[in-house]
Amino acid sequence: MKKVIVFGGGTGLSCLLSGLKLFPVEVTTVITVSDNGSSTGVLKEEFDIPAVGDVGKVLLAMADAEEDMIRLLRYRFKNEGSTLYNHPIRNILLTALIDLKGNLTEATRYMCKLLDIKGEVLPLTEERVDLVGRNADKHLEFFGEESVSQNVRNISSLSYDHDIHISNAVKNKILNSDLIIFSPGSLYTSILPHLLAEGIVDAMMESKAPIMYVSNLVTQPGETDNYDVSDHLSILNRYLKHRKVDVVIGNNASIDKAIIEKYLLTENKSLVELDRDKIKALGAEIIEDDIFSIDEGRIRHNALKTAFLIFSYLMKE
């Protein structure tokens, strides 16, 4: 069975994994733990733990459990007067399991068993960590994912607030994979943070597996305004150093103008264009298809179609 390792975070990663789990591939997912917003940020601060939010989302995306269990873990407390307000059950459960099992990796392994997940989910690090962006002269610092996301225009370099260590398990999975994938997601706060960890890029340079990027469908305000697919690739390549993205999956289908205009007016988001000539100039193979779906008026990746394209590429390798 072919082995895939996926790096990412947030909704884009969860959508991709919900499709990949339907195919006969061995999937390992590595998740950043530097989020500091909402429920995740509160628990991270109060219990001095890595961020659990994206881990919980991925576990649900890969789960093969009863729908009632999924609904329970997704449930957020709604009483604004309560200290539990806005906390999803999955975050509270993972926080308790960190205390019981000793670390987030073991907590995640237990959840994988509970949810009958086929594959492995690994946090990038066991440490509590925060993202730091700095401007060109390093006089200004933007601390935390939320601040970084809002100030990308003023940031010339990204790092963590301290050197972090990744496990041998993550390194070995990179070295033994048949394909390395960067999922859709926030480029500067969900994807690039993986490449800041010592050992990740080194392992990717040693690995013989091709590197794939599944392109975002829309831009993220403040982070990737006016970015085309090639702009995403250029940034990834910069952080990959001597490795480059080998293949990109992008959308080539038109999307209803009314939906695009609504995105632009209400969320200041625009489509990420598949600029083929620039992508080819960067040395990347293009796999293109109609890979979007509309879910309650929102543009999402078609999980099944996108996963099929990945599986088809794997079978040719």
C-alpha atoms as a PDB file:
ATOM      1  CA  MET A   1       0.000   0.000   0.000  1.00  0.00           C
ATOM      2  CA  LYS A   2       1.311   3.449  -0.953  1.00  0.00           C
ATOM      3  CA  LYS A   3       2.240   5.789   1.904  1.00  0.00           C
ATOM      4  CA  VAL A   4       1.303   9.464   1.988  1.00  0.00           C
ATOM      5  CA  ILE A   5       2.273  12.128   4.510  1.00  0.00           C
ATOM      6  CA  VAL A   6       0.144  15.274   4.618  1.00  0.00           C
ATOM      7  CA  PHE A   7       1.120  18.593   6.207  1.00  0.00           C
ATOM      8  CA  GLY A   8      -1.432  21.277   6.959  1.00  0.00           C
ATOM      9  CA  GLY A   9      -4.093  22.578   9.288  1.00  0.00           C
ATOM     10  CA  GLY A  10      -7.607  23.957   9.392  1.00  0.00           C
ATOM     11  CA  THR A  11     -10.631  23.308   7.172  1.00  0.00           C
ATOM     12  CA  GLY A  12      -8.662  22.671   3.967  1.00  0.00           C
ATOM     13  CA  LEU A  13      -6.725  19.817   5.539  1.00  0.00           C
ATOM     14  CA  SER A  14      -9.837  18.272   7.069  1.00  0.00           C
ATOM     15  CA  CYS A  15     -11.634  18.357   3.714  1.00  0.00           C
ATOM     16  CA  LEU A  16      -8.708  16.708   1.923  1.00  0.00           C
ATOM     17  CA  LEU A  17      -8.415  13.944   4.508  1.00  0.00           C
ATOM     18  CA  SER A  18     -12.134  13.179   4.403  1.00  0.00           C
ATOM     19  CA  GLY A  19     -11.603  12.221   0.775  1.00  0.00           C
ATOM     20  CA  LEU A  20      -8.264  10.417   1.138  1.00  0.00           C
ATOM     21  CA  LYS A  21      -9.633   8.060   3.800  1.00  0.00           C
ATOM     22  CA  LEU A  22     -11.860   6.514   1.107  1.00  0.00           C
ATOM     23  CA  PHE A  23      -8.866   5.244  -0.903  1.00  0.00           C
ATOM     24  CA  PRO A  24      -6.441   2.376  -0.218  1.00  0.00           C
ATOM     25  CA  VAL A  25      -3.506   4.518   0.901  1.00  0.00           C
ATOM     26  CA  GLU A  26      -1.701   4.698   4.235  1.00  0.00           C
ATOM     27  CA  VAL A  27      -2.113   8.284   5.413  1.00  0.00           C
ATOM     28  CA  THR A  28      -0.049  10.050   8.063  1.00  0.00           C
ATOM     29  CA  THR A  29      -1.098  13.583   8.942  1.00  0.00           C
ATOM     30  CA  VAL A  30       1.220  16.068  10.644  1.00  0.00           C
ATOM     31  CA  ILE A  31      -0.488  19.052  12.241  1.00  0.00           C
ATOM     32  CA  THR A  32       0.829  22.397  13.431  1.00  0.00           C
ATOM     33  CA  VAL A  33       0.137  23.235  17.079  1.00  0.00           C
ATOM     34  CA  SER A  34       0.834  26.984  17.173  1.00  0.00           C
ATOM     35  CA  ASP A  35      -2.745  28.278  16.889  1.00  0.00           C
ATOM     36  CA  ASN A  36      -3.650  30.806  19.577  1.00  0.00           C
ATOM     37  CA  GLY A  37      -7.204  31.782  18.718  1.00  0.00           C
ATOM     38  CA  SER A  38     -10.648  31.053  20.137  1.00  0.00           C
ATOM     39  CA  SER A  39     -11.106  27.962  22.340  1.00  0.00           C
ATOM     40  CA  THR A  40      -7.682  26.588  21.348  1.00  0.00           C
ATOM     41  CA  GLY A  41      -5.882  29.705  22.550  1.00  0.00           C
ATOM     42  CA  VAL A  42      -7.710  29.730  25.877  1.00  0.00           C
ATOM     43  CA  LEU A  43      -6.875  26.073  26.630  1.00  0.00           C
ATOM     44  CA  LYS A  44      -3.303  26.500  25.430  1.00  0.00           C
ATOM     45  CA  GLU A  45      -2.768  29.410  27.821  1.00  0.00           C
ATOM     46  CA  GLU A  46      -4.638  27.960  30.803  1.00  0.00           C
ATOM     47  CA  PHE A  47      -3.156  24.444  30.681  1.00  0.00           C
ATOM     48  CA  ASP A  48       0.251  25.240  29.118  1.00  0.00           C
ATOM     49  CA  ILE A  49      -0.246  22.730  26.292  1.00  0.00           C
ATOM     50  CA  PRO A  50       0.190  22.661  22.495  1.00  0.00           C
ATOM     51  CA  ALA A  51      -2.768  23.935  20.488  1.00  0.00           C
ATOM     52  CA  VAL A  52      -5.334  21.138  20.111  1.00  0.00           C
ATOM     53  CA  GLY A  53      -7.857  22.760  17.756  1.00  0.00           C
ATOM     54  CA  ASP A  54      -6.548  21.587  14.380  1.00  0.00           C
ATOM     55  CA  VAL A  55      -5.754  18.148  15.797  1.00  0.00           C
ATOM     56  CA  GLY A  56      -9.392  17.765  16.827  1.00  0.00           C
ATOM     57  CA  LYS A  57     -10.696  18.865  13.410  1.00  0.00           C
ATOM     58  CA  VAL A  58      -8.459  16.372  11.617  1.00  0.00           C
ATOM     59  CA  LEU A  59      -9.500  13.521  13.913  1.00  0.00           C
ATOM     60  CA  LEU A  60     -13.143  14.145  13.054  1.00  0.00           C
ATOM     61  CA  ALA A  61     -12.379  14.357   9.326  1.00  0.00           C
ATOM     62  CA  MET A  62     -10.674  10.947   9.415  1.00  0.00           C
ATOM     63  CA  ALA A  63     -13.103   9.305  11.831  1.00  0.00           C
ATOM     64  CA  ASP A  64     -15.150   6.240  10.963  1.00  0.00           C
ATOM     65  CA  ALA A  65     -17.514   6.581  13.902  1.00  0.00           C
ATOM     66  CA  GLU A  66     -21.270   6.899  14.411  1.00  0.00           C
ATOM     67  CA  GLU A  67     -22.734  10.259  13.407  1.00  0.00           C
ATOM     68  CA  ASP A  68     -23.960  10.880  16.962  1.00  0.00           C
ATOM     69  CA  MET A  69     -20.383  10.597  18.237  1.00  0.00           C
ATOM     70  CA  ILE A  70     -19.150  13.046  15.581  1.00  0.00           C
ATOM     71  CA  ARG A  71     -21.929  15.492  16.462  1.00  0.00           C
ATOM     72  CA  LEU A  72     -21.046  15.223  20.145  1.00  0.00           C
ATOM     73  CA  LEU A  73     -17.366  15.969  19.564  1.00  0.00           C
ATOM     74  CA  ARG A  74     -18.251  18.921  17.322  1.00  0.00           C
ATOM     75  CA  TYR A  75     -20.641  20.393  19.887  1.00  0.00           C
ATOM     76  CA  ARG A  76     -19.703  23.832  21.236  1.00  0.00           C
ATOM     77  CA  PHE A  77     -21.109  25.144  24.518  1.00  0.00           C
ATOM     78  CA  LYS A  78     -23.416  28.062  23.758  1.00  0.00           C
ATOM     79  CA  ASN A  79     -24.057  29.667  27.154  1.00  0.00           C
ATOM     80  CA  GLU A  80     -22.175  32.979  26.952  1.00  0.00           C
ATOM     81  CA  GLY A  81     -22.130  33.271  30.720  1.00  0.00           C
ATOM     82  CA  SER A  82     -20.264  29.985  31.173  1.00  0.00           C
ATOM     83  CA  THR A  83     -16.506  29.423  31.366  1.00  0.00           C
ATOM     84  CA  LEU A  84     -17.112  26.640  28.835  1.00  0.00           C
ATOM     85  CA  TYR A  85     -18.595  29.061  26.284  1.00  0.00           C
ATOM     86  CA  ASN A  86     -17.425  28.341  22.706  1.00  0.00           C
ATOM     87  CA  HIS A  87     -15.330  25.325  23.737  1.00  0.00           C
ATOM     88  CA  PRO A  88     -15.989  22.275  21.512  1.00  0.00           C
ATOM     89  CA  ILE A  89     -16.140  18.926  23.289  1.00  0.00           C
ATOM     90  CA  ARG A  90     -13.216  17.601  21.201  1.00  0.00           C
ATOM     91  CA  ASN A  91     -10.882  20.306  22.547  1.00  0.00           C
ATOM     92  CA  ILE A  92     -11.836  19.608  26.160  1.00  0.00           C
ATOM     93  CA  LEU A  93     -11.449  15.857  25.631  1.00  0.00           C
ATOM     94  CA  LEU A  94      -7.986  16.251  24.067  1.00  0.00           C
ATOM     95  CA  THR A  95      -6.917  18.543  26.916  1.00  0.00           C
ATOM     96  CA  ALA A  96      -7.994  15.930  29.476  1.00  0.00           C
ATOM     97  CA  LEU A  97      -6.248  13.163  27.531  1.00  0.00           C
ATOM     98  CA  ILE A  98      -2.970  15.118  27.464  1.00  0.00           C
ATOM     99  CA  ASP A  99      -3.113  15.092  31.268  1.00  0.00           C
ATOM    100  CA  LEU A 100      -4.023  11.392  31.420  1.00  0.00           C
ATOM    101  CA  LYS A 101      -1.695  10.104  28.688  1.00  0.00           C
ATOM    102  CA  GLY A 102       1.228  12.443  29.260  1.00  0.00           C
ATOM    103  CA  ASN A 103       1.446  14.188  25.880  1.00  0.00           C
ATOM    104  CA  LEU A 104      -0.512  15.166  22.791  1.00  0.00           C
ATOM    105  CA  THR A 105       0.855  12.338  20.621  1.00  0.00           C
ATOM    106  CA  GLU A 106      -0.455   9.663  22.999  1.00  0.00           C
ATOM    107  CA  ALA A 107      -3.718  11.567  23.467  1.00  0.00           C
ATOM    108  CA  THR A 108      -4.141  11.631  19.683  1.00  0.00           C
ATOM    109  CA  ARG A 109      -3.347   7.912  19.355  1.00  0.00           C
ATOM    110  CA  TYR A 110      -6.060   7.122  21.896  1.00  0.00           C
ATOM    111  CA  MET A 111      -8.559   9.263  19.982  1.00  0.00           C
ATOM    112  CA  CYS A 112      -7.613   7.445  16.759  1.00  0.00           C
ATOM    113  CA  LYS A 113      -8.584   4.150  18.408  1.00  0.00           C
ATOM    114  CA  LEU A 114     -11.785   5.624  19.819  1.00  0.00           C
ATOM    115  CA  LEU A 115     -12.831   6.963  16.408  1.00  0.00           C
ATOM    116  CA  ASP A 116     -11.642   3.922  14.409  1.00  0.00           C
ATOM    117  CA  ILE A 117      -9.264   6.045  12.336  1.00  0.00           C
ATOM    118  CA  LYS A 118      -7.266   4.231   9.683  1.00  0.00           C
ATOM    119  CA  GLY A 119      -3.995   6.112   9.498  1.00  0.00           C
ATOM    120  CA  GLU A 120      -1.873   8.107  11.886  1.00  0.00           C
ATOM    121  CA  VAL A 121      -2.195  11.645  13.203  1.00  0.00           C
ATOM    122  CA  LEU A 122       0.931  13.284  14.619  1.00  0.00           C
ATOM    123  CA  PRO A 123       1.327  16.744  16.146  1.00  0.00           C
ATOM    124  CA  LEU A 124       4.354  18.607  14.781  1.00  0.00           C
ATOM    125  CA  THR A 125       5.758  18.947  18.293  1.00  0.00           C
ATOM    126  CA  GLU A 126       4.840  18.179  21.906  1.00  0.00           C
ATOM    127  CA  GLU A 127       5.811  21.677  23.000  1.00  0.00           C
ATOM    128  CA  ARG A 128       3.668  24.723  23.545  1.00  0.00           C
ATOM    129  CA  VAL A 129       4.831  27.005  20.771  1.00  0.00           C
ATOM    130  CA  ASP A 130       3.907  30.329  19.189  1.00  0.00           C
ATOM    131  CA  LEU A 131       4.512  31.726  15.729  1.00  0.00           C
ATOM    132  CA  VAL A 132       6.535  34.953  15.445  1.00  0.00           C
ATOM    133  CA  GLY A 133       6.744  37.206  12.391  1.00  0.00           C
ATOM    134  CA  ARG A 134       9.423  39.889  12.011  1.00  0.00           C
ATOM    135  CA  ASN A 135       9.808  42.799   9.632  1.00  0.00           C
ATOM    136  CA  ALA A 136      12.899  43.326   7.455  1.00  0.00           C
ATOM    137  CA  ASP A 137      14.990  45.150  10.056  1.00  0.00           C
ATOM    138  CA  LYS A 138      13.712  42.853  12.848  1.00  0.00           C
ATOM    139  CA  HIS A 139      12.576  45.825  14.947  1.00  0.00           C
ATOM    140  CA  LEU A 140       8.927  44.794  14.801  1.00  0.00           C
ATOM    141  CA  GLU A 141       7.595  41.458  16.013  1.00  0.00           C
ATOM    142  CA  PHE A 142       4.128  40.029  15.481  1.00  0.00           C
ATOM    143  CA  PHE A 143       3.472  37.364  18.100  1.00  0.00           C
ATOM    144  CA  GLY A 144       1.006  34.520  17.595  1.00  0.00           C
ATOM    145  CA  GLU A 145      -0.841  33.140  14.581  1.00  0.00           C
ATOM    146  CA  GLU A 146      -3.614  35.726  14.690  1.00  0.00           C
ATOM    147  CA  SER A 147      -1.168  38.635  14.675  1.00  0.00           C
ATOM    148  CA  VAL A 148       0.959  37.046  11.946  1.00  0.00           C
ATOM    149  CA  SER A 149      -2.102  36.437   9.771  1.00  0.00           C
ATOM    150  CA  GLN A 150      -3.155  40.081  10.081  1.00  0.00           C
ATOM    151  CA  ASN A 151       0.314  41.511   9.336  1.00  0.00           C
ATOM    152  CA  VAL A 152       1.781  39.377   6.544  1.00  0.00           C
ATOM    153  CA  ARG A 153       2.487  42.494   4.450  1.00  0.00           C
ATOM    154  CA  ASN A 154       4.832  43.730   7.187  1.00  0.00           C
ATOM    155  CA  ILE A 155       6.587  40.398   7.754  1.00  0.00           C
ATOM    156  CA  SER A 156       9.760  39.286   5.995  1.00  0.00           C
ATOM    157  CA  SER A 157      10.612  36.249   8.133  1.00  0.00           C
ATOM    158  CA  LEU A 158       8.766  33.658  10.229  1.00  0.00           C
ATOM    159  CA  SER A 159      10.036  31.654  13.178  1.00  0.00           C
ATOM    160  CA  TYR A 160       8.846  30.142  16.442  1.00  0.00           C
ATOM    161  CA  ASP A 161       9.268  31.773  19.826  1.00  0.00           C
ATOM    162  CA  HIS A 162      11.843  29.055  20.642  1.00  0.00           C
ATOM    163  CA  ASP A 163      13.582  26.181  18.890  1.00  0.00           C
ATOM    164  CA  ILE A 164      11.296  23.166  18.797  1.00  0.00           C
ATOM    165  CA  HIS A 165      11.955  19.471  18.433  1.00  0.00           C
ATOM    166  CA  ILE A 166      10.083  17.060  16.215  1.00  0.00           C
ATOM    167  CA  SER A 167       9.802  13.367  16.927  1.00  0.00           C
ATOM    168  CA  ASN A 168      11.685  10.597  15.155  1.00  0.00           C
ATOM    169  CA  ALA A 169       8.254   9.279  14.154  1.00  0.00           C
ATOM    170  CA  VAL A 170       7.618  12.366  12.003  1.00  0.00           C
ATOM    171  CA  LYS A 171      11.096  12.192  10.420  1.00  0.00           C
ATOM    172  CA  ASN A 172      10.730   8.478   9.659  1.00  0.00           C
ATOM    173  CA  LYS A 173       7.306   8.979   8.107  1.00  0.00           C
ATOM    174  CA  ILE A 174       8.765  11.615   5.751  1.00  0.00           C
ATOM    175  CA  LEU A 175      11.639   9.338   4.753  1.00  0.00           C
ATOM    176  CA  ASN A 176       9.378   6.333   4.140  1.00  0.00           C
ATOM    177  CA  SER A 177       6.549   8.084   2.293  1.00  0.00           C
ATOM    178  CA  ASP A 178       5.765   7.708  -1.396  1.00  0.00           C
ATOM    179  CA  LEU A 179       4.291  11.224  -1.574  1.00  0.00           C
ATOM    180  CA  ILE A 180       4.598  14.386   0.538  1.00  0.00           C
ATOM    181  CA  ILE A 181       1.537  16.656   0.382  1.00  0.00           C
ATOM    182  CA  PHE A 182       0.947  20.238   1.461  1.00  0.00           C
ATOM    183  CA  SER A 183      -2.791  20.601   1.935  1.00  0.00           C
ATOM    184  CA  PRO A 184      -4.966  23.620   1.149  1.00  0.00           C
ATOM    185  CA  GLY A 185      -5.054  26.046   4.056  1.00  0.00           C
ATOM    186  CA  SER A 186      -3.675  29.314   5.388  1.00  0.00           C
ATOM    187  CA  LEU A 187      -0.273  29.564   3.724  1.00  0.00           C
ATOM    188  CA  TYR A 188       1.521  31.530   6.431  1.00  0.00           C
ATOM    189  CA  THR A 189      -0.156  30.099   9.517  1.00  0.00           C
ATOM    190  CA  SER A 190      -1.074  26.487   8.633  1.00  0.00           C
ATOM    191  CA  ILE A 191       1.405  25.364   5.950  1.00  0.00           C
ATOM    192  CA  LEU A 192       4.699  27.258   6.349  1.00  0.00           C
ATOM    193  CA  PRO A 193       4.933  26.648  10.146  1.00  0.00           C
ATOM    194  CA  HIS A 194       5.788  23.012   9.366  1.00  0.00           C
ATOM    195  CA  LEU A 195       8.871  24.140   7.470  1.00  0.00           C
ATOM    196  CA  LEU A 196      10.134  26.217  10.411  1.00  0.00           C
ATOM    197  CA  ALA A 197      10.727  23.132  12.567  1.00  0.00           C
ATOM    198  CA  GLU A 198      14.306  21.939  12.621  1.00  0.00           C
ATOM    199  CA  GLY A 199      14.591  18.612  10.849  1.00  0.00           C
ATOM    200  CA  ILE A 200      11.489  18.805   8.649  1.00  0.00           C
ATOM    201  CA  VAL A 201      13.151  20.361   5.586  1.00  0.00           C
ATOM    202  CA  ASP A 202      16.279  18.248   6.130  1.00  0.00           C
ATOM    203  CA  ALA A 203      14.146  15.094   6.072  1.00  0.00           C
ATOM    204  CA  MET A 204      12.326  16.304   2.951  1.00  0.00           C
ATOM    205  CA  MET A 205      15.666  16.922   1.215  1.00  0.00           C
ATOM    206  CA  GLU A 206      16.729  13.389   2.098  1.00  0.00           C
ATOM    207  CA  SER A 207      13.416  11.867   1.002  1.00  0.00           C
ATOM    208  CA  LYS A 208      12.992  10.641  -2.568  1.00  0.00           C
ATOM    209  CA  ALA A 209       9.222  11.192  -2.515  1.00  0.00           C
ATOM    210  CA  PRO A 210       7.784  13.913  -4.781  1.00  0.00           C
ATOM    211  CA  ILE A 211       6.260  16.958  -3.098  1.00  0.00           C
ATOM    212  CA  MET A 212       2.704  17.927  -4.023  1.00  0.00           C
ATOM    213  CA  TYR A 213       0.760  21.098  -3.255  1.00  0.00           C
ATOM    214  CA  VAL A 214      -3.046  21.014  -3.383  1.00  0.00           C
ATOM    215  CA  SER A 215      -3.806  24.622  -4.202  1.00  0.00           C
ATOM    216  CA  ASN A 216      -6.168  26.868  -2.324  1.00  0.00           C
ATOM    217  CA  LEU A 217      -9.298  27.852  -4.246  1.00  0.00           C
ATOM    218  CA  VAL A 218      -9.643  31.365  -2.811  1.00  0.00           C
ATOM    219  CA  THR A 219      -7.270  33.901  -1.302  1.00  0.00           C
ATOM    220  CA  GLN A 220      -7.083  34.704   2.398  1.00  0.00           C
ATOM    221  CA  PRO A 221      -7.533  38.390   3.270  1.00  0.00           C
ATOM    222  CA  GLY A 222      -4.369  39.912   4.711  1.00  0.00           C
ATOM    223  CA  GLU A 223      -2.303  36.810   3.944  1.00  0.00           C
ATOM    224  CA  THR A 224      -2.543  35.986   0.259  1.00  0.00           C
ATOM    225  CA  ASP A 225      -4.410  38.889  -1.375  1.00  0.00           C
ATOM    226  CA  ASN A 226      -4.039  38.735  -5.182  1.00  0.00           C
ATOM    227  CA  TYR A 227      -1.985  35.506  -4.983  1.00  0.00           C
ATOM    228  CA  ASP A 228      -2.150  33.115  -7.916  1.00  0.00           C
ATOM    229  CA  VAL A 229      -1.132  29.453  -7.638  1.00  0.00           C
ATOM    230  CA  SER A 230       2.453  30.289  -8.674  1.00  0.00           C
ATOM    231  CA  ASP A 231       2.722  32.820  -5.825  1.00  0.00           C
ATOM    232  CA  HIS A 232       1.885  30.083  -3.318  1.00  0.00           C
ATOM    233  CA  LEU A 233       4.451  27.799  -4.949  1.00  0.00           C
ATOM    234  CA  SER A 234       7.173  30.456  -4.866  1.00  0.00           C
ATOM    235  CA  ILE A 235       6.714  30.986  -1.129  1.00  0.00           C
ATOM    236  CA  LEU A 236       6.706  27.242  -0.434  1.00  0.00           C
ATOM    237  CA  ASN A 237       9.850  26.781  -2.525  1.00  0.00           C
ATOM    238  CA  ARG A 238      11.623  29.526  -0.611  1.00  0.00           C
ATOM    239  CA  TYR A 239      11.053  27.736   2.688  1.00  0.00           C
ATOM    240  CA  LEU A 240      11.827  24.322   1.185  1.00  0.00           C
ATOM    241  CA  LYS A 241      15.323  25.618   0.335  1.00  0.00           C
ATOM    242  CA  HIS A 242      16.968  23.028  -1.935  1.00  0.00           C
ATOM    243  CA  ARG A 243      13.755  21.046  -2.462  1.00  0.00           C
ATOM    244  CA  LYS A 244      10.947  22.307  -4.659  1.00  0.00           C
ATOM    245  CA  VAL A 245       7.272  21.487  -5.155  1.00  0.00           C
ATOM    246  CA  ASP A 246       7.157  18.840  -7.901  1.00  0.00           C
ATOM    247  CA  VAL A 247       3.453  18.778  -8.705  1.00  0.00           C
ATOM    248  CA  VAL A 248       0.432  20.979  -8.033  1.00  0.00           C
ATOM    249  CA  ILE A 249      -3.268  20.158  -8.126  1.00  0.00           C
ATOM    250  CA  GLY A 250      -5.363  23.141  -9.189  1.00  0.00           C
ATOM    251  CA  ASN A 251      -8.922  23.964 -10.170  1.00  0.00           C
ATOM    252  CA  ASN A 252      -9.629  24.720 -13.829  1.00  0.00           C
ATOM    253  CA  ALA A 253     -13.411  25.052 -13.686  1.00  0.00           C
ATOM    254  CA  SER A 254     -15.336  28.300 -13.647  1.00  0.00           C
ATOM    255  CA  ILE A 255     -17.325  29.202 -10.543  1.00  0.00           C
ATOM    256  CA  ASP A 256     -20.635  31.047 -10.585  1.00  0.00           C
ATOM    257  CA  LYS A 257     -19.997  34.814 -10.771  1.00  0.00           C
ATOM    258  CA  ALA A 258     -22.635  35.561  -8.119  1.00  0.00           C
ATOM    259  CA  ILE A 259     -20.787  33.396  -5.581  1.00  0.00           C
ATOM    260  CA  ILE A 260     -17.433  34.984  -6.474  1.00  0.00           C
ATOM    261  CA  GLU A 261     -18.869  38.490  -6.126  1.00  0.00           C
ATOM    262  CA  LYS A 262     -20.409  37.587  -2.764  1.00  0.00           C
ATOM    263  CA  TYR A 263     -17.010  36.330  -1.526  1.00  0.00           C
ATOM    264  CA  LEU A 264     -15.339  39.542  -2.668  1.00  0.00           C
ATOM    265  CA  LEU A 265     -17.947  41.839  -1.136  1.00  0.00           C
ATOM    266  CA  THR A 266     -18.528  40.042   2.192  1.00  0.00           C
ATOM    267  CA  GLU A 267     -15.129  38.432   2.891  1.00  0.00           C
ATOM    268  CA  ASN A 268     -12.716  40.252   0.559  1.00  0.00           C
ATOM    269  CA  LYS A 269     -11.667  36.927  -0.982  1.00  0.00           C
ATOM    270  CA  SER A 270     -10.997  36.269  -4.661  1.00  0.00           C
ATOM    271  CA  LEU A 271     -10.273  33.165  -6.721  1.00  0.00           C
ATOM    272  CA  VAL A 272      -6.738  31.782  -6.837  1.00  0.00           C
ATOM    273  CA  GLU A 273      -5.955  31.678 -10.552  1.00  0.00           C
ATOM    274  CA  LEU A 274      -4.221  28.698 -12.140  1.00  0.00           C
ATOM    275  CA  ASP A 275      -1.435  30.605 -13.942  1.00  0.00           C
ATOM    276  CA  ARG A 276      -0.033  27.696 -15.917  1.00  0.00           C
ATOM    277  CA  ASP A 277       2.974  29.340 -17.573  1.00  0.00           C
ATOM    278  CA  LYS A 278       4.404  30.636 -14.294  1.00  0.00           C
ATOM    279  CA  ILE A 279       3.789  27.296 -12.559  1.00  0.00           C
ATOM    280  CA  LYS A 280       5.651  25.448 -15.331  1.00  0.00           C
ATOM    281  CA  ALA A 281       8.482  27.995 -15.114  1.00  0.00           C
ATOM    282  CA  LEU A 282       8.871  26.959 -11.468  1.00  0.00           C
ATOM    283  CA  GLY A 283       9.353  23.368 -12.632  1.00  0.00           C
ATOM    284  CA  ALA A 284       6.087  21.973 -11.267  1.00  0.00           C
ATOM    285  CA  GLU A 285       3.839  19.502 -13.051  1.00  0.00           C
ATOM    286  CA  ILE A 286       0.186  20.589 -13.180  1.00  0.00           C
ATOM    287  CA  ILE A 287      -2.763  18.314 -12.482  1.00  0.00           C
ATOM    288  CA  GLU A 288      -5.917  20.284 -13.181  1.00  0.00           C
ATOM    289  CA  ASP A 289      -9.603  19.473 -13.015  1.00  0.00           C
ATOM    290  CA  ASP A 290     -12.959  20.668 -11.744  1.00  0.00           C
ATOM    291  CA  ILE A 291     -12.180  20.167  -8.030  1.00  0.00           C
ATOM    292  CA  PHE A 292     -14.517  22.595  -6.280  1.00  0.00           C
ATOM    293  CA  SER A 293     -17.935  22.153  -4.722  1.00  0.00           C
ATOM    294  CA  ILE A 294     -20.408  24.619  -3.259  1.00  0.00           C
ATOM    295  CA  ASP A 295     -21.432  23.820   0.302  1.00  0.00           C
ATOM    296  CA  GLU A 296     -24.148  26.117   1.671  1.00  0.00           C
ATOM    297  CA  GLY A 297     -22.932  28.924  -0.556  1.00  0.00           C
ATOM    298  CA  ARG A 298     -19.256  28.401   0.331  1.00  0.00           C
ATOM    299  CA  ILE A 299     -16.508  27.342  -2.064  1.00  0.00           C
ATOM    300  CA  ARG A 300     -14.861  24.132  -0.908  1.00  0.00           C
ATOM    301  CA  HIS A 301     -12.671  21.438  -2.441  1.00  0.00           C
ATOM    302  CA  ASN A 302     -14.564  18.449  -3.730  1.00  0.00           C
ATOM    303  CA  ALA A 303     -12.996  16.003  -1.279  1.00  0.00           C
ATOM    304  CA  LEU A 304     -13.643  12.857  -3.313  1.00  0.00           C
ATOM    305  CA  LYS A 305     -12.469  14.297  -6.641  1.00  0.00           C
ATOM    306  CA  THR A 306      -9.332  15.842  -5.153  1.00  0.00           C
ATOM    307  CA  ALA A 307      -8.429  12.620  -3.362  1.00  0.00           C
ATOM    308  CA  PHE A 308      -8.991  10.656  -6.580  1.00  0.00           C
ATOM    309  CA  LEU A 309      -6.491  12.870  -8.415  1.00  0.00           C
ATOM    310  CA  ILE A 310      -3.943  12.270  -5.649  1.00  0.00           C
ATOM    311  CA  PHE A 311      -4.554   8.520  -5.740  1.00  0.00           C
ATOM    312  CA  SER A 312      -4.264   8.424  -9.535  1.00  0.00           C
ATOM    313  CA  TYR A 313      -0.937  10.277  -9.387  1.00  0.00           C
ATOM    314  CA  LEU A 314       0.332   7.851  -6.753  1.00  0.00           C
ATOM    315  CA  MET A 315      -0.563   4.854  -8.869  1.00  0.00           C
ATOM    316  CA  LYS A 316       1.504   6.209 -11.766  1.00  0.00           C
ATOM    317  CA  GLU A 317       4.600   6.677  -9.607  1.00  0.00           C
END
